[in-house]
Amino acid sequence: MGITNSNKEVNVSQITCGGTFQVTLGLSAAPDISENPVDIVLVLDRSGSMAGSPLENLKLGADTFIDIIDETTDSTQDGQIGSGSHIGIVSFSGSASADTQLITSVADLKAAVAALSAGGSTNHADAFSTAASLFDPSSSNEKVIVMFTDGKTTSGIPPAPVAETIRDSGIIIYCIGLIGDTGIDVDVLNDWATDPDASHVAVTPDDSELEDLFADLAANISKPGATNIVINETLNPDFTIVSIGMPSSGTAAAIDSQSLQWKIPSLGVSGNEGASLEFYVQHTGQTSGNLPVNQSIFYSDTEGNTVTFPDPSVQVDCGVSVDPESCPIPVDFTIEKCQDSLVVDLGDVYLESSGRIVQLNVKLKNVCPHKRVALGIILTETDNYGSEYQRGMKAITVPAHNQKNCQDVEVKCIKFVLPEDLNVSGCPCQSLCCERHLKVRIIAHYIDTDFRCCDSTVTF
C-alpha cells in the first residue's frame, strides 16, 4: 500500500505571545495491495448537512478512490478490482445501508455512489456496525474501513464502543472529516480511528479538497510499505523548537533551533503500521495573528511515495504592542589594514522623540478644614485658526487639612507630556524651536460636605 496516511496537528488553536504548544507528525503505511489483497469498505455520510457541493465532492472523491484501486490491483483500469481485493459501499444518515457488498465491479460501485442523496440525521454507530458486517471473518484479506463524515453524532447509540470492538477484531479504521455546519470533533475521530491517531485521521474545512484526500489514500495503496523515510521540517521563523520526544519509530533530532529531521528505516513493509513524533514549539517572534506553524516540510523514501502533510496554524495573541522608535540605520565603514586612524563623516543626526513636559501649579483658595477637594485639569492645544485639540486630563484628590480656619492650598507639579508629533502650530518641522499654544481649564469642588438628604414628614 505504501504510505496510506500522513498528518500533522497541534494540540491548541490559540496561545499568548511566547506560549508553547505540542506538534504531532503521523504516518501510516501498509504492504502492496497487488500482493496483499485488501477488503475496503467506504462508509459515506449522506446526512442533511452534506447537501450541495459537499456531497458532490464526496462522490468525486469516492469515484477517484475506486478508479485508483481498480488500476493498482492489476495494473490496468479495466473496470474490475483485481488481485483478490474488494470494495464495498455503506452510506448512512439516521440509519445505515449496505449499498453494495464487497464486490469487484467498478460500475456497480460507482452506481451506488451516484445514487446517494443527502437528508436526515447522523448515526455513526449503525454505520460502523453495517460496515463491519460486510467482512468475511474467514478471509485472510486485510480489512479496512474508511469512515467519512462531516458532523457530530445526532442519532443512535454512542459509536465509540462500536468502533473499539471493530478495531479489537483486527479491522483497520481510517477517518476523514469535513468541518461541516455542525462542526467535526477531531478528538472523536481520533477515538474511533486505529492508533496512532495522527496517521489515521485527516480533516479538511474545504469540501473541494475531499477528492484529493481520497486520491492520496488510494494512490499510495499501489506501493509497498516505505523504506528509508526522511522527513525534514522547518518552522515558521516566529517559532522555535523547545524539545523533541522519542518517536514511536525511527530517530528524530534537531538540525537547528527551527528545524528537525525524522528518519524511519522502514514502515508498513510486513503489515499495516503507524508512526508518530511529538515535539514542542514556542512562539519567540513579535508577530500576532493566525500564524502557520511550519515554513516547509519535505518527505522522501526509496519507493517514491508522494506525501502531503496538513499545514496547521495557531492564533497568537501578543496584546497591543507599540514601537515608537525604529532602530537607526547603520553607517557602514571599514578600517583598512595597517591603518591606525580613520575619520568618518556620519552626516546629519536628528534628535529622537522630541517633545515638551508642561508642569502646572495651582492655588486653591479658601479651602475649609476637614474637607477633601476633587481637582480636574483639562489641557488643550490650539492651532492657528483657534481650533482646540485634546492633550490630556487629570483628576486629583487633594487631601483635607486640619487648620482651624479656611486656608489656601497649593497643588504643585501637575505634569503633562506634549510629544512634538502632536504639534498643530503649523511649524514646517517638528522641533522644540516651534511655538505651541495651549489652554488649561480647572474644575474644583468639595468631596466632603455637611449636607445629608432626608425624607420630610408633614402632619396635618
Protein backbone atom coordinates (compact mmCIF):
# COMPACT_ATOMS: atom_id res chain seq x y z
CA MET A 1 0.00 0.00 0.00
CA GLY A 2 2.87 2.40 0.68
CA ILE A 3 2.07 5.44 2.79
CA THR A 4 -1.66 5.24 3.49
CA ASN A 5 -1.99 8.41 5.54
CA SER A 6 0.02 11.43 6.70
CA ASN A 7 -0.98 14.01 9.24
CA LYS A 8 0.24 16.97 11.23
CA GLU A 9 -1.71 18.53 14.08
CA VAL A 10 -1.26 20.89 17.03
CA ASN A 11 -2.83 20.49 20.46
CA VAL A 12 -4.07 24.09 20.75
CA SER A 13 -5.71 26.62 18.49
CA GLN A 14 -4.61 29.77 20.35
CA ILE A 15 -1.66 30.85 22.52
CA THR A 16 -0.38 34.07 24.03
CA CYS A 17 2.85 35.68 22.89
CA GLY A 18 5.73 33.43 23.99
CA GLY A 19 3.42 30.45 24.53
CA THR A 20 4.33 26.79 23.98
CA PHE A 21 2.35 24.03 22.26
CA GLN A 22 2.73 20.45 21.02
CA VAL A 23 3.06 19.38 17.38
CA THR A 24 2.39 15.78 16.30
CA LEU A 25 3.54 14.29 12.99
CA GLY A 26 1.99 10.98 11.95
CA LEU A 27 2.44 8.41 9.17
CA SER A 28 0.92 5.02 8.41
CA ALA A 29 1.98 2.51 5.78
CA ALA A 30 0.95 -0.93 4.54
CA PRO A 31 2.24 -3.54 2.06
CA ASP A 32 1.48 -3.55 -1.67
CA ILE A 33 -2.19 -4.35 -2.38
CA SER A 34 -1.33 -6.37 -5.55
CA GLU A 35 0.47 -8.95 -3.41
CA ASN A 36 -1.50 -8.44 -0.20
CA PRO A 37 -5.22 -8.20 -1.08
CA VAL A 38 -7.38 -5.86 0.96
CA ASP A 39 -11.12 -5.65 1.53
CA ILE A 40 -12.13 -1.99 1.87
CA VAL A 41 -15.49 -0.59 2.96
CA LEU A 42 -16.10 3.06 2.12
CA VAL A 43 -18.51 4.43 4.74
CA LEU A 44 -20.03 7.65 3.37
CA ASP A 45 -22.03 10.27 5.27
CA ARG A 46 -25.22 11.32 3.43
CA SER A 47 -26.87 13.27 6.29
CA GLY A 48 -28.70 16.55 5.63
CA SER A 49 -25.62 18.71 6.22
CA MET A 50 -23.96 17.09 3.19
CA ALA A 51 -26.43 18.63 0.72
CA GLY A 52 -24.94 20.55 -2.21
CA SER A 53 -21.24 20.72 -3.02
CA PRO A 54 -20.08 18.55 -0.07
CA LEU A 55 -21.99 15.54 -1.41
CA GLU A 56 -20.91 16.18 -5.00
CA ASN A 57 -17.26 16.45 -3.99
CA LEU A 58 -17.61 13.33 -1.82
CA LYS A 59 -18.88 11.43 -4.87
CA LEU A 60 -15.89 12.64 -6.90
CA GLY A 61 -13.57 11.52 -4.13
CA ALA A 62 -15.16 8.07 -3.83
CA ASP A 63 -15.10 7.54 -7.64
CA THR A 64 -11.45 8.57 -7.80
CA PHE A 65 -10.64 6.20 -4.94
CA ILE A 66 -12.37 3.31 -6.76
CA ASP A 67 -10.56 4.08 -10.06
CA ILE A 68 -7.14 4.11 -8.41
CA ILE A 69 -7.74 0.81 -6.61
CA ASP A 70 -9.02 -0.67 -9.90
CA GLU A 71 -5.77 0.23 -11.67
CA THR A 72 -3.34 -0.63 -8.89
CA THR A 73 -4.67 -4.11 -8.16
CA ASP A 74 -3.96 -5.46 -11.65
CA SER A 75 -2.01 -2.67 -13.43
CA THR A 76 -4.93 -1.68 -15.65
CA GLN A 77 -8.14 0.32 -15.25
CA ASP A 78 -10.34 -2.44 -16.67
CA GLY A 79 -13.47 -1.94 -14.57
CA GLN A 80 -12.65 -4.77 -12.16
CA ILE A 81 -10.93 -4.68 -8.75
CA GLY A 82 -8.21 -7.36 -9.16
CA SER A 83 -5.73 -9.48 -7.23
CA GLY A 84 -8.32 -10.74 -4.76
CA SER A 85 -9.21 -7.31 -3.29
CA HIS A 86 -12.76 -5.98 -2.94
CA ILE A 87 -14.55 -2.70 -2.19
CA GLY A 88 -17.94 -2.25 -0.53
CA ILE A 89 -20.10 0.86 -0.13
CA VAL A 90 -22.01 1.72 3.06
CA SER A 91 -23.86 5.03 3.37
CA PHE A 92 -25.63 6.49 6.37
CA SER A 93 -27.77 9.26 7.81
CA GLY A 94 -30.26 8.40 10.56
CA SER A 95 -29.57 4.74 9.74
CA ALA A 96 -27.02 2.93 7.59
CA SER A 97 -27.46 0.81 4.47
CA ALA A 98 -25.13 -1.57 2.65
CA ASP A 99 -25.38 -0.09 -0.83
CA THR A 100 -23.14 -2.90 -2.13
CA GLN A 101 -21.47 -5.95 -0.65
CA LEU A 102 -17.70 -6.44 -1.01
CA ILE A 103 -17.53 -6.66 -4.81
CA THR A 104 -15.12 -6.11 -7.70
CA SER A 105 -17.36 -4.36 -10.27
CA VAL A 106 -16.31 -0.73 -10.63
CA ALA A 107 -19.56 0.11 -12.48
CA ASP A 108 -21.70 -1.24 -9.63
CA LEU A 109 -19.62 0.58 -7.02
CA LYS A 110 -19.87 3.91 -8.86
CA ALA A 111 -23.61 3.43 -9.42
CA ALA A 112 -24.07 3.05 -5.66
CA VAL A 113 -22.09 6.24 -5.03
CA ALA A 114 -24.01 8.16 -7.71
CA ALA A 115 -27.33 7.20 -6.14
CA LEU A 116 -26.53 8.87 -2.80
CA SER A 117 -28.76 11.78 -1.75
CA ALA A 118 -28.48 13.95 1.38
CA GLY A 119 -31.04 14.11 4.18
CA GLY A 120 -31.65 13.12 7.78
CA SER A 121 -29.59 12.88 10.98
CA THR A 122 -26.20 11.23 11.66
CA ASN A 123 -25.94 7.70 13.10
CA HIS A 124 -22.26 6.72 13.23
CA ALA A 125 -22.76 3.59 15.35
CA ASP A 126 -25.07 1.97 12.80
CA ALA A 127 -22.63 2.95 10.03
CA PHE A 128 -19.73 1.18 11.77
CA SER A 129 -21.82 -1.92 12.54
CA THR A 130 -23.13 -2.19 8.98
CA ALA A 131 -19.61 -1.80 7.53
CA ALA A 132 -18.15 -4.46 9.82
CA SER A 133 -20.89 -6.91 8.86
CA LEU A 134 -19.70 -6.92 5.23
CA PHE A 135 -16.36 -8.60 6.06
CA ASP A 136 -15.89 -12.36 5.86
CA PRO A 137 -14.26 -13.44 9.14
CA SER A 138 -12.68 -16.44 7.41
CA SER A 139 -10.95 -14.28 4.75
CA SER A 140 -7.21 -13.68 5.11
CA ASN A 141 -7.52 -10.31 3.33
CA GLU A 142 -6.58 -7.21 5.29
CA LYS A 143 -9.77 -5.46 6.37
CA VAL A 144 -10.08 -1.66 6.20
CA ILE A 145 -12.91 0.77 6.95
CA VAL A 146 -12.64 4.31 5.59
CA MET A 147 -15.16 6.40 7.55
CA PHE A 148 -16.09 9.77 6.04
CA THR A 149 -18.32 12.20 7.98
CA ASP A 150 -18.99 15.92 8.24
CA GLY A 151 -20.66 16.24 11.64
CA LYS A 152 -21.32 15.01 15.13
CA THR A 153 -23.47 12.03 16.11
CA THR A 154 -27.12 13.11 16.32
CA SER A 155 -28.91 9.73 16.48
CA GLY A 156 -28.30 6.14 17.53
CA ILE A 157 -26.15 4.73 20.31
CA PRO A 158 -22.66 6.10 21.13
CA PRO A 159 -20.33 4.99 18.31
CA ALA A 160 -17.05 4.84 20.28
CA PRO A 161 -17.67 1.36 21.85
CA VAL A 162 -18.73 0.01 18.44
CA ALA A 163 -15.55 1.35 16.80
CA GLU A 164 -13.44 -0.10 19.63
CA THR A 165 -14.93 -3.56 19.15
CA ILE A 166 -14.27 -3.35 15.41
CA ARG A 167 -10.63 -2.36 15.97
CA ASP A 168 -10.16 -5.17 18.50
CA SER A 169 -11.30 -7.64 15.83
CA GLY A 170 -8.33 -6.58 13.63
CA ILE A 171 -10.14 -4.22 11.27
CA ILE A 172 -8.21 -1.01 10.48
CA ILE A 173 -10.23 2.22 10.71
CA TYR A 174 -9.33 5.44 8.93
CA CYS A 175 -11.39 8.61 9.46
CA ILE A 176 -11.76 11.52 7.04
CA GLY A 177 -13.58 14.55 8.45
CA LEU A 178 -15.12 17.55 6.72
CA ILE A 179 -15.72 20.50 9.02
CA GLY A 180 -19.43 20.96 8.33
CA ASP A 181 -22.22 23.16 9.68
CA THR A 182 -22.37 21.29 12.98
CA GLY A 183 -18.60 21.11 13.32
CA ILE A 184 -16.45 17.99 13.38
CA ASP A 185 -14.88 16.91 16.67
CA VAL A 186 -11.34 15.76 15.86
CA ASP A 187 -10.97 14.14 19.30
CA VAL A 188 -13.93 11.90 18.48
CA LEU A 189 -12.39 10.87 15.15
CA ASN A 190 -9.14 10.12 16.97
CA ASP A 191 -11.08 7.94 19.40
CA TRP A 192 -12.65 5.94 16.54
CA ALA A 193 -9.58 5.51 14.36
CA THR A 194 -6.79 2.94 14.62
CA ASP A 195 -3.74 4.13 16.55
CA PRO A 196 -1.66 6.16 16.13
CA ASP A 197 -4.36 8.79 15.70
CA ALA A 198 -2.11 11.22 13.85
CA SER A 199 -1.60 8.79 10.97
CA HIS A 200 -5.19 7.54 10.69
CA VAL A 201 -7.21 10.78 10.79
CA ALA A 202 -7.37 13.61 8.23
CA VAL A 203 -9.60 16.69 8.45
CA THR A 204 -10.32 19.48 5.98
CA PRO A 205 -12.54 22.60 6.18
CA ASP A 206 -12.95 22.71 2.38
CA ASP A 207 -15.12 20.11 0.63
CA SER A 208 -13.24 20.82 -2.63
CA GLU A 209 -10.26 19.02 -1.03
CA LEU A 210 -12.17 15.77 -0.47
CA GLU A 211 -11.20 14.30 -3.83
CA ASP A 212 -7.53 14.91 -3.03
CA LEU A 213 -7.84 13.24 0.39
CA PHE A 214 -9.45 10.12 -1.09
CA ALA A 215 -6.98 10.12 -4.00
CA ASP A 216 -3.93 10.37 -1.72
CA LEU A 217 -5.13 7.41 0.32
CA ALA A 218 -5.84 5.27 -2.76
CA ALA A 219 -2.72 6.31 -4.73
CA ASN A 220 -0.39 5.06 -2.02
CA ILE A 221 -2.10 1.67 -1.96
CA SER A 222 -0.24 0.81 -5.19
CA LYS A 223 3.13 0.85 -3.44
CA PRO A 224 4.67 -1.44 -0.84
CA GLY A 225 5.40 -0.08 2.60
CA ALA A 226 8.01 2.66 2.76
CA THR A 227 11.75 2.36 3.47
CA ASN A 228 14.49 4.89 4.21
CA ILE A 229 11.95 7.58 5.11
CA VAL A 230 13.35 11.06 5.72
CA ILE A 231 11.18 13.98 6.86
CA ASN A 232 12.73 17.45 7.08
CA GLU A 233 10.61 20.05 8.88
CA THR A 234 11.38 23.78 9.09
CA LEU A 235 9.28 26.01 11.33
CA ASN A 236 7.90 29.46 10.64
CA PRO A 237 10.58 31.96 11.83
CA ASP A 238 8.18 33.09 14.59
CA PHE A 239 8.56 29.69 16.31
CA THR A 240 11.42 27.76 17.93
CA ILE A 241 11.71 24.06 18.78
CA VAL A 242 11.83 23.58 22.56
CA SER A 243 12.12 19.80 22.80
CA ILE A 244 11.73 16.68 20.64
CA GLY A 245 10.16 13.50 22.01
CA MET A 246 11.18 9.93 21.19
CA PRO A 247 9.33 8.89 18.01
CA SER A 248 7.38 5.63 18.01
CA SER A 249 9.57 4.52 15.10
CA GLY A 250 12.98 5.68 13.91
CA THR A 251 15.00 8.60 15.25
CA ALA A 252 14.50 12.37 15.33
CA ALA A 253 16.94 15.18 16.01
CA ALA A 254 17.11 18.97 15.78
CA ILE A 255 19.10 20.41 12.90
CA ASP A 256 18.95 23.87 14.44
CA SER A 257 16.53 25.84 16.63
CA GLN A 258 13.88 25.91 13.90
CA SER A 259 14.26 22.65 12.00
CA LEU A 260 14.36 18.91 12.66
CA GLN A 261 14.86 15.66 10.79
CA TRP A 262 12.93 12.42 11.37
CA LYS A 263 14.34 9.19 9.88
CA ILE A 264 12.44 5.87 9.74
CA PRO A 265 14.30 2.83 8.30
CA SER A 266 11.08 1.06 7.29
CA LEU A 267 7.34 1.34 7.85
CA GLY A 268 4.48 -0.96 6.84
CA VAL A 269 6.65 -3.47 4.98
CA SER A 270 5.18 -6.63 6.54
CA GLY A 271 1.81 -5.26 7.70
CA ASN A 272 -0.14 -2.12 8.45
CA GLU A 273 2.00 0.09 10.69
CA GLY A 274 1.84 3.62 12.06
CA ALA A 275 4.46 6.00 13.42
CA SER A 276 4.25 9.32 15.22
CA LEU A 277 6.56 12.03 16.50
CA GLU A 278 5.74 14.69 19.09
CA PHE A 279 7.74 17.87 19.66
CA TYR A 280 7.17 21.13 21.48
CA VAL A 281 7.32 24.56 19.90
CA GLN A 282 7.48 28.04 21.47
CA HIS A 283 6.45 31.35 19.93
CA THR A 284 9.56 33.56 20.03
CA GLY A 285 8.67 36.19 17.43
CA GLN A 286 6.94 39.53 17.82
CA THR A 287 4.11 38.85 15.36
CA SER A 288 0.48 38.37 16.37
CA GLY A 289 -2.27 36.78 14.30
CA ASN A 290 -3.07 33.41 12.75
CA LEU A 291 0.43 32.07 12.08
CA PRO A 292 1.28 28.89 10.13
CA VAL A 293 3.39 26.55 12.25
CA ASN A 294 5.79 25.36 9.57
CA GLN A 295 7.60 27.12 6.78
CA SER A 296 8.24 23.89 4.88
CA ILE A 297 8.13 20.10 5.29
CA PHE A 298 9.70 17.65 2.85
CA TYR A 299 9.24 13.87 2.63
CA SER A 300 11.26 11.27 0.77
CA ASP A 301 11.60 7.47 0.70
CA THR A 302 13.11 4.80 -1.51
CA GLU A 303 9.74 3.87 -3.04
CA GLY A 304 8.98 7.45 -4.15
CA ASN A 305 5.74 7.76 -2.17
CA THR A 306 4.05 11.13 -2.53
CA VAL A 307 3.18 12.54 0.89
CA THR A 308 1.48 15.83 1.74
CA PHE A 309 1.18 16.98 5.33
CA PRO A 310 -1.52 19.41 6.54
CA ASP A 311 -0.43 22.96 7.32
CA PRO A 312 -1.88 23.80 10.76
CA SER A 313 -1.80 27.31 12.18
CA VAL A 314 -2.03 28.84 15.66
CA GLN A 315 -3.70 32.10 16.66
CA VAL A 316 -1.06 34.09 18.56
CA ASP A 317 -2.15 36.98 20.79
CA CYS A 318 0.69 39.33 21.71
CA GLY A 319 -1.63 42.04 23.05
CA VAL A 320 -1.15 45.64 21.95
CA SER A 321 2.45 46.41 21.02
CA VAL A 322 3.74 49.90 20.23
CA ASP A 323 7.21 50.51 18.79
CA PRO A 324 7.53 54.33 18.66
CA GLU A 325 11.17 54.42 17.62
CA SER A 326 12.66 52.34 14.83
CA CYS A 327 16.23 51.13 15.03
CA PRO A 328 18.67 53.65 13.45
CA ILE A 329 20.02 52.81 10.00
CA PRO A 330 23.71 51.89 10.44
CA VAL A 331 26.54 53.60 8.58
CA ASP A 332 28.98 51.03 7.18
CA PHE A 333 32.69 51.74 7.08
CA THR A 334 35.93 49.74 7.01
CA ILE A 335 39.33 50.29 8.63
CA GLU A 336 41.96 49.15 6.17
CA LYS A 337 44.96 47.01 7.09
CA CYS A 338 47.80 48.86 8.87
CA GLN A 339 45.59 51.98 9.23
CA ASP A 340 45.82 53.36 12.78
CA SER A 341 43.32 56.21 12.44
CA LEU A 342 40.17 56.97 10.50
CA VAL A 343 37.86 59.96 10.10
CA VAL A 344 34.23 59.16 9.19
CA ASP A 345 31.55 61.74 8.35
CA LEU A 346 28.30 60.31 9.72
CA GLY A 347 26.13 63.05 8.21
CA ASP A 348 23.13 64.62 9.92
CA VAL A 349 21.68 63.17 13.11
CA TYR A 350 18.33 64.37 14.40
CA LEU A 351 17.10 64.23 17.96
CA GLU A 352 14.68 61.36 18.57
CA SER A 353 11.41 61.59 20.50
CA SER A 354 11.41 65.38 20.88
CA GLY A 355 8.67 66.93 22.98
CA ARG A 356 7.86 69.13 25.98
CA ILE A 357 6.83 68.47 29.56
CA VAL A 358 4.41 71.06 30.95
CA GLN A 359 4.34 71.37 34.73
CA LEU A 360 1.42 73.25 36.25
CA ASN A 361 0.90 74.67 39.73
CA VAL A 362 -2.45 75.86 41.05
CA LYS A 363 -3.59 77.50 44.30
CA LEU A 364 -6.99 76.52 45.69
CA LYS A 365 -8.42 79.50 47.60
CA ASN A 366 -10.19 79.31 50.97
CA VAL A 367 -10.40 75.59 51.40
CA CYS A 368 -12.34 74.75 54.57
CA PRO A 369 -10.82 72.39 57.14
CA HIS A 370 -11.59 68.64 57.14
CA LYS A 371 -12.84 68.66 53.54
CA ARG A 372 -11.20 66.88 50.61
CA VAL A 373 -11.22 68.56 47.21
CA ALA A 374 -11.64 66.94 43.78
CA LEU A 375 -9.46 68.79 41.28
CA GLY A 376 -9.70 68.36 37.49
CA ILE A 377 -7.25 69.83 34.96
CA ILE A 378 -8.07 69.78 31.23
CA LEU A 379 -5.31 70.72 28.76
CA THR A 380 -5.89 71.57 25.08
CA GLU A 381 -3.76 72.91 22.25
CA THR A 382 -4.90 75.44 19.65
CA ASP A 383 -3.85 75.78 16.04
CA ASN A 384 -3.51 78.99 14.05
CA TYR A 385 -7.28 79.03 13.42
CA GLY A 386 -8.25 78.73 17.08
CA SER A 387 -9.40 75.12 16.88
CA GLU A 388 -8.74 73.12 20.05
CA TYR A 389 -7.21 69.65 20.30
CA GLN A 390 -7.33 67.48 23.41
CA ARG A 391 -3.98 66.99 25.09
CA GLY A 392 -4.92 65.39 28.37
CA MET A 393 -6.98 65.41 31.55
CA LYS A 394 -6.02 64.69 35.14
CA ALA A 395 -8.24 64.14 38.14
CA ILE A 396 -6.61 64.60 41.56
CA THR A 397 -7.85 64.17 45.12
CA VAL A 398 -6.48 66.94 47.34
CA PRO A 399 -6.29 65.74 50.97
CA ALA A 400 -8.16 67.65 53.68
CA HIS A 401 -6.20 70.00 56.00
CA ASN A 402 -6.73 70.29 59.77
CA GLN A 403 -6.20 74.01 60.28
CA LYS A 404 -8.82 75.91 62.35
CA ASN A 405 -9.73 78.27 59.55
CA CYS A 406 -10.05 78.12 55.78
CA GLN A 407 -6.68 78.06 54.07
CA ASP A 408 -5.20 78.49 50.61
CA VAL A 409 -3.81 75.16 49.38
CA GLU A 410 -1.11 74.95 46.72
CA VAL A 411 -1.12 71.98 44.37
CA LYS A 412 2.25 71.69 42.62
CA CYS A 413 3.94 69.75 39.80
CA ILE A 414 0.94 68.64 37.74
CA LYS A 415 2.74 67.29 34.67
CA PHE A 416 1.58 66.79 31.08
CA VAL A 417 3.65 65.33 28.23
CA LEU A 418 3.44 67.02 24.80
CA PRO A 419 5.20 64.99 22.07
CA GLU A 420 6.21 67.09 19.07
CA ASP A 421 4.35 64.81 16.68
CA LEU A 422 1.15 66.36 18.11
CA ASN A 423 2.27 69.91 17.27
CA VAL A 424 -0.51 71.77 15.39
CA SER A 425 1.19 75.15 15.24
CA GLY A 426 1.86 74.86 11.50
CA CYS A 427 5.62 74.99 12.04
CA PRO A 428 7.32 73.41 8.97
CA CYS A 429 9.33 70.98 11.07
CA GLN A 430 8.59 69.22 14.30
CA SER A 431 11.17 70.61 16.68
CA LEU A 432 11.42 72.34 20.03
CA CYS A 433 12.00 75.63 18.19
CA CYS A 434 8.30 75.95 17.29
CA GLU A 435 5.79 77.82 19.44
CA ARG A 436 2.83 75.86 20.77
CA HIS A 437 -0.34 77.46 22.11
CA LEU A 438 -2.14 75.78 24.99
CA LYS A 439 -5.27 76.29 27.06
CA VAL A 440 -5.96 74.87 30.50
CA ARG A 441 -9.27 74.61 32.34
CA ILE A 442 -9.53 73.82 36.05
CA ILE A 443 -12.53 72.42 37.88
CA ALA A 444 -12.57 72.00 41.67
CA HIS A 445 -15.19 71.14 44.26
CA TYR A 446 -15.51 69.66 47.70
CA ILE A 447 -15.81 65.91 48.05
CA ASP A 448 -16.92 66.06 51.70
CA THR A 449 -19.98 68.14 52.67
CA ASP A 450 -22.25 68.51 55.71
CA PHE A 451 -25.38 68.09 53.61
CA ARG A 452 -27.39 64.87 54.04
CA CYS A 453 -30.62 64.04 52.23
CA CYS A 454 -33.58 63.12 54.41
CA ASP A 455 -37.27 62.48 53.86
CA SER A 456 -39.59 65.29 55.08
CA THR A 457 -42.70 64.36 57.01
CA VAL A 458 -45.66 66.75 57.07
CA THR A 459 -48.52 66.21 59.56
CA PHE A 460 -51.88 67.92 59.31
